Amino acid sequence: MSDASELPKKEEGALSPELQEQSDDSSEDEAAEDSMLDFLRNLFSRNLGIGTPDKVLDELTLEGVAQYIKSGKCKNIICMVGAGISTSAGIPDFRSPGTGLYANLQKYNLPYPEA
């Protein structure tokens, strides 16, 4: 039996060839994503006059958005959400049978929904 001290030692922090390949793939993916985001940022800035070509968020995550808001550089916030967000907050929707606004038009003295 051989002594463990005779086995080749791996450098600390060294990756196996398989992990190195995965790391390289993820680095390429991140670079491609950054490139696409830079392209879109410049496109919106140049053609639509939206924003600046400068990078605003450090990272494209909820934490990145929170950091930007906390930085004080953000003056206005607009949230674009789906229709279901109001019902979870207790605001009635239009179509739910019995509780929806369409079902309760008479309660609001409305002859039809568009009135």
N, C-alpha and C. Protein backbone atom coordinates (compact mmCIF):
# COMPACT_ATOMS: atom_id res chain seq x y z
N MET A 1 0.84 -1.19 0.00
CA MET A 1 0.00 0.00 0.00
C MET A 1 0.88 1.25 0.00
N SER A 2 0.49 2.24 -0.78
CA SER A 2 1.32 3.43 -0.85
C SER A 2 0.92 4.43 0.22
N ASP A 3 1.84 5.21 0.57
CA ASP A 3 1.62 6.25 1.57
C ASP A 3 0.90 7.42 0.93
N ALA A 4 -0.04 8.04 1.66
CA ALA A 4 -0.80 9.17 1.12
C ALA A 4 0.10 10.33 0.77
N SER A 5 1.25 10.42 1.44
CA SER A 5 2.15 11.54 1.14
C SER A 5 2.78 11.42 -0.24
N GLU A 6 2.74 10.19 -0.83
CA GLU A 6 3.31 9.99 -2.15
C GLU A 6 2.35 10.37 -3.27
N LEU A 7 1.06 10.54 -2.96
CA LEU A 7 0.08 10.88 -3.97
C LEU A 7 0.29 12.32 -4.42
N PRO A 8 0.04 12.59 -5.70
CA PRO A 8 0.20 13.98 -6.16
C PRO A 8 -0.82 14.88 -5.47
N LYS A 9 -0.36 16.02 -5.06
CA LYS A 9 -1.24 16.95 -4.37
C LYS A 9 -1.83 17.94 -5.37
N LYS A 10 -3.15 18.21 -5.19
CA LYS A 10 -3.81 19.23 -6.01
C LYS A 10 -3.58 20.59 -5.37
N GLU A 11 -3.42 21.56 -6.20
CA GLU A 11 -3.32 22.92 -5.67
C GLU A 11 -4.65 23.31 -5.07
N GLU A 12 -4.61 24.07 -3.97
CA GLU A 12 -5.86 24.53 -3.39
C GLU A 12 -6.54 25.47 -4.36
N GLY A 13 -7.85 25.25 -4.54
CA GLY A 13 -8.62 26.08 -5.44
C GLY A 13 -8.54 25.62 -6.89
N ALA A 14 -7.75 24.59 -7.17
CA ALA A 14 -7.66 24.09 -8.55
C ALA A 14 -8.91 23.31 -8.88
N LEU A 15 -9.39 23.44 -10.11
CA LEU A 15 -10.60 22.76 -10.56
C LEU A 15 -10.23 21.53 -11.37
N SER A 16 -11.07 20.51 -11.27
CA SER A 16 -10.87 19.34 -12.11
C SER A 16 -11.14 19.77 -13.56
N PRO A 17 -10.65 18.99 -14.52
CA PRO A 17 -10.88 19.35 -15.93
C PRO A 17 -12.37 19.52 -16.26
N GLU A 18 -13.22 18.65 -15.67
CA GLU A 18 -14.65 18.75 -15.93
C GLU A 18 -15.23 20.05 -15.38
N LEU A 19 -14.85 20.39 -14.15
CA LEU A 19 -15.35 21.64 -13.55
C LEU A 19 -14.78 22.85 -14.26
N GLN A 20 -13.52 22.76 -14.71
CA GLN A 20 -12.91 23.87 -15.45
C GLN A 20 -13.68 24.13 -16.74
N GLU A 21 -14.07 23.03 -17.43
CA GLU A 21 -14.83 23.16 -18.67
C GLU A 21 -16.19 23.81 -18.40
N GLN A 22 -16.86 23.39 -17.31
CA GLN A 22 -18.15 24.00 -16.96
C GLN A 22 -17.96 25.47 -16.63
N SER A 23 -16.89 25.79 -15.91
CA SER A 23 -16.61 27.18 -15.55
C SER A 23 -16.38 28.01 -16.80
N ASP A 24 -15.63 27.45 -17.76
CA ASP A 24 -15.38 28.16 -19.02
C ASP A 24 -16.69 28.41 -19.76
N ASP A 25 -17.58 27.40 -19.79
CA ASP A 25 -18.87 27.54 -20.46
C ASP A 25 -19.70 28.64 -19.81
N SER A 26 -19.71 28.67 -18.46
CA SER A 26 -20.52 29.68 -17.79
C SER A 26 -19.92 31.07 -18.01
N SER A 27 -18.60 31.17 -18.08
CA SER A 27 -17.96 32.45 -18.36
C SER A 27 -18.33 32.95 -19.75
N GLU A 28 -18.36 32.01 -20.72
CA GLU A 28 -18.76 32.37 -22.08
C GLU A 28 -20.22 32.82 -22.12
N ASP A 29 -21.09 32.12 -21.37
CA ASP A 29 -22.50 32.49 -21.31
C ASP A 29 -22.68 33.88 -20.71
N GLU A 30 -21.94 34.15 -19.63
CA GLU A 30 -22.03 35.46 -18.98
C GLU A 30 -21.54 36.56 -19.92
N ALA A 31 -20.48 36.29 -20.65
CA ALA A 31 -19.94 37.28 -21.60
C ALA A 31 -20.95 37.54 -22.71
N ALA A 32 -21.59 36.48 -23.21
CA ALA A 32 -22.60 36.65 -24.26
C ALA A 32 -23.79 37.44 -23.74
N GLU A 33 -24.20 37.16 -22.49
CA GLU A 33 -25.33 37.88 -21.89
C GLU A 33 -24.98 39.36 -21.72
N ASP A 34 -23.77 39.63 -21.22
CA ASP A 34 -23.34 41.02 -21.06
C ASP A 34 -23.30 41.74 -22.40
N SER A 35 -22.82 41.06 -23.42
CA SER A 35 -22.75 41.64 -24.75
C SER A 35 -24.15 41.98 -25.27
N MET A 36 -25.09 41.06 -25.08
CA MET A 36 -26.47 41.29 -25.52
C MET A 36 -27.09 42.45 -24.75
N LEU A 37 -26.85 42.51 -23.45
CA LEU A 37 -27.41 43.61 -22.65
C LEU A 37 -26.82 44.94 -23.06
N ASP A 38 -25.52 44.97 -23.34
CA ASP A 38 -24.90 46.20 -23.82
C ASP A 38 -25.52 46.63 -25.14
N PHE A 39 -25.75 45.66 -26.02
CA PHE A 39 -26.37 45.96 -27.31
C PHE A 39 -27.75 46.57 -27.10
N LEU A 40 -28.58 45.95 -26.26
CA LEU A 40 -29.94 46.45 -26.02
C LEU A 40 -29.91 47.81 -25.34
N ARG A 41 -29.01 48.00 -24.38
CA ARG A 41 -28.89 49.28 -23.69
C ARG A 41 -28.58 50.39 -24.69
N ASN A 42 -27.64 50.15 -25.57
CA ASN A 42 -27.27 51.14 -26.58
C ASN A 42 -28.39 51.36 -27.59
N LEU A 43 -29.07 50.29 -27.97
CA LEU A 43 -30.18 50.39 -28.92
C LEU A 43 -31.29 51.27 -28.36
N PHE A 44 -31.71 51.00 -27.12
CA PHE A 44 -32.78 51.79 -26.52
C PHE A 44 -32.36 53.23 -26.32
N SER A 45 -31.13 53.44 -25.93
CA SER A 45 -30.64 54.80 -25.70
C SER A 45 -30.57 55.59 -27.01
N ARG A 46 -29.99 54.98 -28.02
CA ARG A 46 -29.75 55.66 -29.29
C ARG A 46 -31.03 55.87 -30.09
N ASN A 47 -31.83 54.82 -30.25
CA ASN A 47 -32.98 54.88 -31.15
C ASN A 47 -34.26 55.35 -30.49
N LEU A 48 -34.43 55.06 -29.22
CA LEU A 48 -35.68 55.42 -28.56
C LEU A 48 -35.53 56.57 -27.57
N GLY A 49 -34.31 56.97 -27.32
CA GLY A 49 -34.09 58.04 -26.35
C GLY A 49 -34.42 57.62 -24.94
N ILE A 50 -34.38 56.31 -24.67
CA ILE A 50 -34.69 55.80 -23.34
C ILE A 50 -33.39 55.58 -22.58
N GLY A 51 -33.23 56.27 -21.47
CA GLY A 51 -32.06 56.06 -20.63
C GLY A 51 -30.78 56.54 -21.27
N THR A 52 -29.71 56.04 -20.71
CA THR A 52 -28.38 56.36 -21.21
C THR A 52 -27.69 55.05 -21.57
N PRO A 53 -26.65 55.12 -22.38
CA PRO A 53 -25.93 53.88 -22.68
C PRO A 53 -25.11 53.37 -21.49
N ASP A 54 -25.07 54.14 -20.42
CA ASP A 54 -24.31 53.74 -19.24
C ASP A 54 -25.00 52.60 -18.50
N LYS A 55 -24.20 51.76 -17.88
CA LYS A 55 -24.71 50.65 -17.10
C LYS A 55 -25.30 51.21 -15.81
N VAL A 56 -26.54 50.83 -15.50
CA VAL A 56 -27.21 51.34 -14.32
C VAL A 56 -27.16 50.35 -13.16
N LEU A 57 -27.43 49.09 -13.45
CA LEU A 57 -27.43 48.06 -12.41
C LEU A 57 -26.10 47.33 -12.38
N ASP A 58 -25.61 47.05 -11.18
CA ASP A 58 -24.39 46.26 -11.05
C ASP A 58 -24.63 44.81 -11.43
N GLU A 59 -25.83 44.32 -11.12
CA GLU A 59 -26.19 42.95 -11.49
C GLU A 59 -27.68 42.89 -11.77
N LEU A 60 -28.08 42.00 -12.69
CA LEU A 60 -29.47 41.89 -13.10
C LEU A 60 -30.21 40.91 -12.19
N THR A 61 -30.36 41.31 -10.94
CA THR A 61 -31.07 40.52 -9.95
C THR A 61 -31.92 41.45 -9.11
N LEU A 62 -32.77 40.87 -8.28
CA LEU A 62 -33.57 41.69 -7.38
C LEU A 62 -32.66 42.48 -6.43
N GLU A 63 -31.56 41.86 -6.01
CA GLU A 63 -30.61 42.54 -5.14
C GLU A 63 -29.97 43.73 -5.87
N GLY A 64 -29.69 43.56 -7.17
CA GLY A 64 -29.12 44.64 -7.95
C GLY A 64 -30.08 45.82 -8.05
N VAL A 65 -31.36 45.52 -8.24
CA VAL A 65 -32.38 46.58 -8.30
C VAL A 65 -32.48 47.27 -6.94
N ALA A 66 -32.49 46.47 -5.86
CA ALA A 66 -32.58 47.05 -4.51
C ALA A 66 -31.39 47.95 -4.22
N GLN A 67 -30.20 47.54 -4.62
CA GLN A 67 -29.00 48.37 -4.42
C GLN A 67 -29.13 49.69 -5.17
N TYR A 68 -29.66 49.64 -6.38
CA TYR A 68 -29.82 50.86 -7.17
C TYR A 68 -30.83 51.80 -6.51
N ILE A 69 -31.93 51.25 -6.02
CA ILE A 69 -32.93 52.09 -5.35
C ILE A 69 -32.33 52.72 -4.10
N LYS A 70 -31.59 51.94 -3.32
CA LYS A 70 -30.97 52.44 -2.08
C LYS A 70 -29.89 53.49 -2.35
N SER A 71 -29.30 53.46 -3.55
CA SER A 71 -28.21 54.38 -3.86
C SER A 71 -28.66 55.84 -3.93
N GLY A 72 -29.96 56.06 -4.12
CA GLY A 72 -30.48 57.41 -4.23
C GLY A 72 -30.47 57.95 -5.65
N LYS A 73 -29.93 57.20 -6.60
CA LYS A 73 -29.91 57.63 -7.99
C LYS A 73 -31.26 57.45 -8.66
N CYS A 74 -32.10 56.63 -8.06
CA CYS A 74 -33.41 56.32 -8.62
C CYS A 74 -34.43 57.30 -8.06
N LYS A 75 -35.12 58.03 -8.93
CA LYS A 75 -36.09 59.02 -8.47
C LYS A 75 -37.53 58.57 -8.65
N ASN A 76 -37.80 57.78 -9.68
CA ASN A 76 -39.15 57.29 -9.96
C ASN A 76 -39.11 55.78 -10.16
N ILE A 77 -40.15 55.12 -9.65
CA ILE A 77 -40.24 53.68 -9.80
C ILE A 77 -41.60 53.33 -10.38
N ILE A 78 -41.59 52.54 -11.43
CA ILE A 78 -42.81 52.05 -12.06
C ILE A 78 -42.76 50.54 -12.02
N CYS A 79 -43.83 49.92 -11.56
CA CYS A 79 -43.90 48.46 -11.54
C CYS A 79 -44.92 48.01 -12.58
N MET A 80 -44.48 47.16 -13.47
CA MET A 80 -45.39 46.59 -14.46
C MET A 80 -45.67 45.16 -14.01
N VAL A 81 -46.91 44.90 -13.61
CA VAL A 81 -47.27 43.61 -13.04
C VAL A 81 -48.49 43.04 -13.76
N GLY A 82 -48.75 41.79 -13.50
CA GLY A 82 -49.90 41.12 -14.09
C GLY A 82 -51.16 41.42 -13.31
N ALA A 83 -52.29 40.99 -13.87
CA ALA A 83 -53.59 41.28 -13.29
C ALA A 83 -53.80 40.61 -11.94
N GLY A 84 -53.15 39.51 -11.66
CA GLY A 84 -53.39 38.77 -10.43
C GLY A 84 -52.87 39.42 -9.17
N ILE A 85 -52.05 40.44 -9.28
CA ILE A 85 -51.47 41.05 -8.09
C ILE A 85 -52.53 41.77 -7.24
N SER A 86 -53.56 42.31 -7.86
CA SER A 86 -54.58 43.03 -7.10
C SER A 86 -55.45 42.07 -6.30
N THR A 87 -55.77 40.91 -6.86
CA THR A 87 -56.65 39.98 -6.14
C THR A 87 -55.98 39.44 -4.89
N SER A 88 -54.69 39.22 -4.92
CA SER A 88 -54.00 38.75 -3.72
C SER A 88 -53.96 39.83 -2.64
N ALA A 89 -54.13 41.08 -3.05
CA ALA A 89 -54.17 42.19 -2.09
C ALA A 89 -55.60 42.50 -1.63
N GLY A 90 -56.58 41.72 -2.14
CA GLY A 90 -57.96 41.92 -1.71
C GLY A 90 -58.76 42.85 -2.59
N ILE A 91 -58.19 43.33 -3.67
CA ILE A 91 -58.91 44.20 -4.61
C ILE A 91 -59.66 43.30 -5.58
N PRO A 92 -60.97 43.49 -5.74
CA PRO A 92 -61.72 42.59 -6.62
C PRO A 92 -61.30 42.72 -8.09
N ASP A 93 -61.33 41.59 -8.78
CA ASP A 93 -61.05 41.62 -10.21
C ASP A 93 -62.36 41.89 -10.96
N PHE A 94 -62.35 41.76 -12.26
CA PHE A 94 -63.55 42.03 -13.05
C PHE A 94 -64.42 40.80 -13.23
N ARG A 95 -63.82 39.62 -13.40
CA ARG A 95 -64.57 38.46 -13.87
C ARG A 95 -64.96 37.42 -12.83
N SER A 96 -64.47 37.46 -11.63
CA SER A 96 -64.80 36.42 -10.66
C SER A 96 -66.30 36.40 -10.39
N PRO A 97 -66.93 35.22 -10.53
CA PRO A 97 -68.38 35.12 -10.28
C PRO A 97 -68.72 35.50 -8.84
N GLY A 98 -69.68 36.36 -8.69
CA GLY A 98 -70.14 36.76 -7.36
C GLY A 98 -69.38 37.92 -6.75
N THR A 99 -68.06 37.95 -6.91
CA THR A 99 -67.27 39.01 -6.27
C THR A 99 -66.65 39.99 -7.26
N GLY A 100 -66.59 39.62 -8.52
CA GLY A 100 -65.97 40.48 -9.53
C GLY A 100 -66.78 41.72 -9.81
N LEU A 101 -66.14 42.73 -10.36
CA LEU A 101 -66.82 43.99 -10.64
C LEU A 101 -67.95 43.83 -11.66
N TYR A 102 -67.76 42.93 -12.64
CA TYR A 102 -68.83 42.71 -13.63
C TYR A 102 -70.07 42.13 -12.95
N ALA A 103 -69.90 41.30 -11.95
CA ALA A 103 -71.03 40.68 -11.25
C ALA A 103 -71.73 41.68 -10.33
N ASN A 104 -71.07 42.78 -10.04
CA ASN A 104 -71.61 43.75 -9.09
C ASN A 104 -71.89 45.12 -9.71
N LEU A 105 -72.21 45.16 -10.97
CA LEU A 105 -72.46 46.44 -11.64
C LEU A 105 -73.60 47.20 -10.99
N GLN A 106 -74.66 46.49 -10.60
CA GLN A 106 -75.82 47.15 -9.99
C GLN A 106 -75.44 47.84 -8.68
N LYS A 107 -74.49 47.28 -7.98
CA LYS A 107 -74.02 47.86 -6.71
C LYS A 107 -73.45 49.26 -6.94
N TYR A 108 -72.85 49.47 -8.11
CA TYR A 108 -72.24 50.75 -8.45
C TYR A 108 -73.12 51.57 -9.38
N ASN A 109 -74.38 51.17 -9.53
CA ASN A 109 -75.34 51.86 -10.41
C ASN A 109 -74.80 52.03 -11.83
N LEU A 110 -74.19 50.98 -12.36
CA LEU A 110 -73.66 51.01 -13.72
C LEU A 110 -74.51 50.09 -14.60
N PRO A 111 -75.04 50.62 -15.71
CA PRO A 111 -75.88 49.77 -16.57
C PRO A 111 -75.08 48.73 -17.35
N TYR A 112 -73.80 49.00 -17.63
CA TYR A 112 -72.94 48.09 -18.37
C TYR A 112 -71.49 48.40 -17.98
N PRO A 113 -70.57 47.46 -18.21
CA PRO A 113 -69.20 47.63 -17.70
C PRO A 113 -68.47 48.88 -18.16
N GLU A 114 -68.73 49.34 -19.38
CA GLU A 114 -67.97 50.49 -19.88
C GLU A 114 -68.54 51.83 -19.41
N ALA A 115 -69.65 51.82 -18.70
CA ALA A 115 -70.32 53.08 -18.31
C ALA A 115 -69.52 53.88 -17.31
